[in-house]
Protein backbone atom coordinates (compact mmCIF):
# COMPACT_ATOMS: atom_id res chain seq x y z
CA MET A 1 15.07 -21.07 1.91
CA GLU A 2 17.53 -18.23 1.68
CA ASP A 3 17.63 -15.56 4.39
CA ILE A 4 16.62 -12.35 2.61
CA TYR A 5 18.22 -10.26 5.37
CA ALA A 6 21.62 -11.78 4.63
CA LEU A 7 21.51 -10.44 1.05
CA SER A 8 22.73 -7.02 -0.02
CA ASP A 9 20.35 -4.55 -1.66
CA THR A 10 21.98 -5.23 -5.03
CA GLN A 11 21.51 -8.97 -4.65
CA ILE A 12 17.84 -8.49 -3.75
CA GLN A 13 17.29 -6.23 -6.77
CA LYS A 14 18.91 -8.79 -9.07
CA LYS A 15 16.67 -11.55 -7.66
CA ILE A 16 13.60 -9.35 -8.22
CA GLY A 17 14.75 -8.60 -11.77
CA ARG A 18 15.25 -12.30 -12.56
CA LYS A 19 11.84 -13.13 -11.09
CA LEU A 20 10.10 -10.42 -13.14
CA LYS A 21 11.83 -11.62 -16.29
CA ALA A 22 10.76 -15.22 -15.60
CA VAL A 23 7.15 -14.17 -15.02
CA ARG A 24 7.18 -12.05 -18.20
CA LEU A 25 8.52 -14.95 -20.25
CA ASN A 26 6.04 -17.41 -18.68
CA GLN A 27 3.25 -15.05 -19.74
CA ASN A 28 4.82 -14.88 -23.23
CA ILE A 29 5.16 -11.08 -23.14
CA SER A 30 7.96 -9.29 -24.95
CA GLN A 31 9.92 -6.51 -23.27
CA GLY A 32 8.49 -4.04 -25.77
CA SER A 33 4.93 -5.11 -25.08
CA LEU A 34 5.46 -4.96 -21.31
CA ALA A 35 7.01 -1.51 -21.66
CA LYS A 36 4.10 -0.25 -23.76
CA SER A 37 1.45 -1.71 -21.41
CA SER A 38 3.27 -0.27 -18.39
CA SER A 39 3.79 3.16 -20.02
CA ILE A 40 7.55 2.97 -19.56
CA SER A 41 10.49 2.63 -21.93
CA ARG A 42 11.86 -0.70 -23.11
CA SER A 43 15.24 0.25 -21.66
CA SER A 44 13.58 0.63 -18.23
CA VAL A 45 12.28 -2.93 -18.51
CA GLN A 46 15.76 -4.12 -19.49
CA LYS A 47 17.35 -2.30 -16.54
CA ILE A 48 14.84 -3.69 -14.01
CA GLU A 49 15.29 -7.21 -15.32
CA ALA A 50 19.05 -6.71 -14.91
CA GLY A 51 18.50 -5.74 -11.28
CA GLU A 52 18.79 -1.98 -11.66
CA ILE A 53 15.56 -0.85 -10.01
CA GLY A 54 15.89 2.92 -9.99
CA SER A 55 12.27 3.92 -9.52
CA PHE A 56 9.62 2.40 -7.30
CA ASP A 57 6.96 3.87 -9.58
CA THR A 58 8.37 1.95 -12.53
CA LEU A 59 8.50 -1.25 -10.50
CA LEU A 60 4.85 -0.77 -9.49
CA ARG A 61 3.81 -0.28 -13.12
CA ILE A 62 5.51 -3.53 -14.12
CA LEU A 63 4.04 -5.44 -11.17
CA ARG A 64 0.56 -4.15 -12.06
CA THR A 65 0.93 -5.12 -15.72
CA LEU A 66 2.20 -8.61 -14.86
CA GLY A 67 -0.61 -9.08 -12.31
CA MET A 68 1.86 -9.28 -9.43
CA LEU A 69 0.65 -6.49 -7.11
CA ASP A 70 -0.39 -9.22 -4.68
CA GLU A 71 3.32 -9.70 -3.98
CA ILE A 72 3.38 -6.38 -2.11
CA HIS A 73 -0.22 -6.35 -0.90
CA HIS A 74 0.77 -7.02 2.71
CA LEU A 75 2.70 -3.73 2.74
CA CYS A 76 -0.54 -1.86 2.09
CA GLU A 77 -2.70 -3.58 4.71
CA GLU A 78 -3.76 -1.78 7.86
CA GLU A 79 -2.47 -3.25 11.08
CA GLN A 80 -5.09 -5.26 12.92
CA MET A 81 -5.89 -4.39 16.53
CA SER A 82 -5.69 -7.05 19.16
CA PRO A 83 -8.85 -7.60 21.20
CA SER A 84 -7.28 -5.90 24.22
CA GLU A 85 -6.25 -2.86 22.12
CA TYR A 86 -9.80 -2.63 20.76
CA PHE A 87 -11.24 -2.87 24.28
CA ASP A 88 -8.90 -0.10 25.50
CA MET A 89 -9.83 2.12 22.56
CA VAL A 90 -13.58 1.68 23.13
CA ASN A 91 -13.26 2.32 26.85
CA SER A 92 -11.12 5.43 26.34
CA THR A 93 -13.85 6.99 24.20
CA LYS A 94 -16.48 6.21 26.83
CA LYS A 95 -14.49 8.01 29.51
CA SER A 96 -14.43 11.27 27.61
CA ARG A 97 -18.15 11.37 26.82
CA ARG A 98 -20.13 14.28 28.12
CA LYS A 99 -22.42 13.34 30.98
CA ARG A 100 -24.61 16.44 31.06
CA ALA A 101 -25.08 19.85 29.54
CA VAL A 102 -23.60 22.93 31.20
CA GLY A 103 -25.72 25.82 29.97
CA ASN A 104 -29.36 26.82 30.32
CA ILE A 105 -31.90 27.39 27.59
CA LYS A 106 -32.13 31.08 26.83
CA LYS A 107 -35.70 32.26 26.48
CA ASN A 108 -36.60 34.68 23.75
CA LYS A 109 -37.70 38.04 25.13
CA GLU A 110 -40.25 38.35 22.37
CA GLU A 111 -43.17 36.07 22.81
CA SER A 112 -44.58 34.20 19.93
CA GLU A 113 -48.27 34.12 19.04
CA TRP A 114 -48.29 30.39 19.35
């Protein structure tokens, strides 16, 4: 397996472009059809497949159309708390809870008929 951190940004973009092209062809989708379904131009599809990813929005549209959003799903996940972090958070909220009221009930000067 190749170390992704050893690659330049350009090399990574070219790998992504080749992968997207392979997925598109495996799904038997033309560049024009992908462009239309993604609401982008055909030239944008050509550029991305050549490794020229200029817009993250365009990349997301293509990933969504090809059913590949799962590839970046882990970037959208919330970080999970460890049990000790959860315990600390719960205990910190308990410490700041009010123990008793400070003020007194003010009685109305006018008395009710009840």
